[in-house]
Structures are given as C-alpha cells and as structure tokens.
Amino acid sequence: MAAQPPHPELRHHLTKPIRVKLNKDRIVDGLLVGYDHFMNLSLRKVQITAPGIPTMAADSCIIRGATILSFEGVNN
C-alpha cells in the first residue's frame, strides 16, 4: 500500500492574512481560517481579483487545493 502524502503544515498561517494565486491568473486575499490534507483552504474577509472582472469582496470562501498554484503570507 502506498504511503499517504504529508499533510500541509499551515498552522502558523491560521488567522493571518494570505494571498493565494490560482490557475487562470486569479488572486484571492483573505484570512486563513482552516485547511485540510488536500490543501483545500477556508478563508474569511476575502477579496478576489481576476482578469477582466472587477475585484469582488466576500465574507468567506473555500478554495479547492487542486486550483492553487502558490500562496504567501501577507504582512499588513
């Protein structure tokens, strides 16, 4: 039986602002409030930027891990 991949270690980013870069040149900024071993992310106080679409704001969103290209902590 194949070994499970390691869980993402994101505990030190919880409740802190992050920027997530997604496929199709989309960017999501928000506070990380949860994640799972597939790297699905749950964010609050979100701003979503995508080419050709005005910036959108939302109270919360869930990002599927398969769409994530990168993420970084944001210092405010």
C-alpha atoms as a PDB file:
ATOM      1  CA  MET A   1       0.000   0.000   0.000  1.00  0.00           C
ATOM      2  CA  ALA A   2       1.359   3.440  -0.982  1.00  0.00           C
ATOM      3  CA  ALA A   3       2.259   5.926   1.725  1.00  0.00           C
ATOM      4  CA  GLN A   4      -0.004   8.925   2.218  1.00  0.00           C
ATOM      5  CA  PRO A   5       1.469  12.298   1.205  1.00  0.00           C
ATOM      6  CA  PRO A   6       2.370  14.545   4.146  1.00  0.00           C
ATOM      7  CA  HIS A   7      -0.266  16.953   5.425  1.00  0.00           C
ATOM      8  CA  PRO A   8       0.348  20.613   4.590  1.00  0.00           C
ATOM      9  CA  GLU A   9       1.812  22.433   7.583  1.00  0.00           C
ATOM     10  CA  LEU A  10      -0.189  25.653   7.641  1.00  0.00           C
ATOM     11  CA  ARG A  11      -0.877  26.020  11.378  1.00  0.00           C
ATOM     12  CA  HIS A  12       1.396  29.038  11.715  1.00  0.00           C
ATOM     13  CA  HIS A  13      -0.640  30.826   8.979  1.00  0.00           C
ATOM     14  CA  LEU A  14      -4.034  30.326  10.680  1.00  0.00           C
ATOM     15  CA  THR A  15      -5.905  33.599  11.387  1.00  0.00           C
ATOM     16  CA  LYS A  16      -3.274  35.531   9.401  1.00  0.00           C
ATOM     17  CA  PRO A  17      -3.699  37.224   6.019  1.00  0.00           C
ATOM     18  CA  ILE A  18      -2.526  35.255   2.993  1.00  0.00           C
ATOM     19  CA  ARG A  19      -2.509  35.711  -0.782  1.00  0.00           C
ATOM     20  CA  VAL A  20      -3.385  32.668  -2.870  1.00  0.00           C
ATOM     21  CA  LYS A  21      -2.541  32.544  -6.575  1.00  0.00           C
ATOM     22  CA  LEU A  22      -4.863  30.294  -8.547  1.00  0.00           C
ATOM     23  CA  ASN A  23      -4.946  28.989 -12.084  1.00  0.00           C
ATOM     24  CA  LYS A  24      -6.312  31.346 -14.774  1.00  0.00           C
ATOM     25  CA  ASP A  25      -4.423  34.290 -13.189  1.00  0.00           C
ATOM     26  CA  ARG A  26      -6.833  34.640 -10.269  1.00  0.00           C
ATOM     27  CA  ILE A  27      -5.683  36.000  -6.887  1.00  0.00           C
ATOM     28  CA  VAL A  28      -7.518  35.643  -3.574  1.00  0.00           C
ATOM     29  CA  ASP A  29      -6.563  37.643  -0.472  1.00  0.00           C
ATOM     30  CA  GLY A  30      -8.042  36.807   2.931  1.00  0.00           C
ATOM     31  CA  LEU A  31      -7.589  35.419   6.445  1.00  0.00           C
ATOM     32  CA  LEU A  32      -6.849  31.696   6.582  1.00  0.00           C
ATOM     33  CA  VAL A  33      -9.285  30.034   8.993  1.00  0.00           C
ATOM     34  CA  GLY A  34      -8.969  26.372   8.001  1.00  0.00           C
ATOM     35  CA  TYR A  35      -7.395  23.787   5.721  1.00  0.00           C
ATOM     36  CA  ASP A  36      -7.329  20.029   5.162  1.00  0.00           C
ATOM     37  CA  HIS A  37      -4.836  17.448   3.917  1.00  0.00           C
ATOM     38  CA  PHE A  38      -5.853  18.088   0.268  1.00  0.00           C
ATOM     39  CA  MET A  39      -4.830  21.741   0.843  1.00  0.00           C
ATOM     40  CA  ASN A  40      -8.399  22.943   0.443  1.00  0.00           C
ATOM     41  CA  LEU A  41      -8.406  26.338   2.155  1.00  0.00           C
ATOM     42  CA  SER A  42     -11.124  28.206   4.025  1.00  0.00           C
ATOM     43  CA  LEU A  43     -10.756  31.996   4.090  1.00  0.00           C
ATOM     44  CA  ARG A  44     -12.653  34.922   5.635  1.00  0.00           C
ATOM     45  CA  LYS A  45     -12.755  38.625   4.654  1.00  0.00           C
ATOM     46  CA  VAL A  46     -11.892  37.780   1.064  1.00  0.00           C
ATOM     47  CA  GLN A  47     -11.023  39.889  -1.970  1.00  0.00           C
ATOM     48  CA  ILE A  48     -10.966  38.107  -5.321  1.00  0.00           C
ATOM     49  CA  THR A  49      -9.113  39.520  -8.318  1.00  0.00           C
ATOM     50  CA  ALA A  50      -9.412  38.027 -11.799  1.00  0.00           C
ATOM     51  CA  PRO A  51      -8.501  39.411 -15.230  1.00  0.00           C
ATOM     52  CA  GLY A  52     -11.366  41.226 -16.949  1.00  0.00           C
ATOM     53  CA  ILE A  53     -13.604  41.158 -13.851  1.00  0.00           C
ATOM     54  CA  PRO A  54     -13.938  43.884 -11.203  1.00  0.00           C
ATOM     55  CA  THR A  55     -12.454  42.987  -7.803  1.00  0.00           C
ATOM     56  CA  MET A  56     -15.032  41.187  -5.665  1.00  0.00           C
ATOM     57  CA  ALA A  57     -15.338  41.026  -1.880  1.00  0.00           C
ATOM     58  CA  ALA A  58     -16.889  38.186   0.131  1.00  0.00           C
ATOM     59  CA  ASP A  59     -17.276  37.290   3.792  1.00  0.00           C
ATOM     60  CA  SER A  60     -15.842  33.813   3.215  1.00  0.00           C
ATOM     61  CA  CYS A  61     -14.805  31.319   0.563  1.00  0.00           C
ATOM     62  CA  ILE A  62     -13.388  27.842   0.182  1.00  0.00           C
ATOM     63  CA  ILE A  63     -10.599  27.229  -2.321  1.00  0.00           C
ATOM     64  CA  ARG A  64     -10.090  23.773  -3.762  1.00  0.00           C
ATOM     65  CA  GLY A  65      -6.486  22.684  -3.322  1.00  0.00           C
ATOM     66  CA  ALA A  66      -6.152  21.490  -6.932  1.00  0.00           C
ATOM     67  CA  THR A  67      -6.564  25.072  -8.211  1.00  0.00           C
ATOM     68  CA  ILE A  68      -3.773  26.553  -6.058  1.00  0.00           C
ATOM     69  CA  LEU A  69      -0.508  27.483  -7.763  1.00  0.00           C
ATOM     70  CA  SER A  70       1.094  29.208  -4.749  1.00  0.00           C
ATOM     71  CA  PHE A  71       0.339  31.112  -1.590  1.00  0.00           C
ATOM     72  CA  GLU A  72       2.206  33.553   0.612  1.00  0.00           C
ATOM     73  CA  GLY A  73       1.770  35.277   3.923  1.00  0.00           C
ATOM     74  CA  VAL A  74       0.893  38.970   3.647  1.00  0.00           C
ATOM     75  CA  ASN A  75       2.186  41.475   6.198  1.00  0.00           C
ATOM     76  CA  ASN A  76      -0.196  44.327   6.967  1.00  0.00           C
END
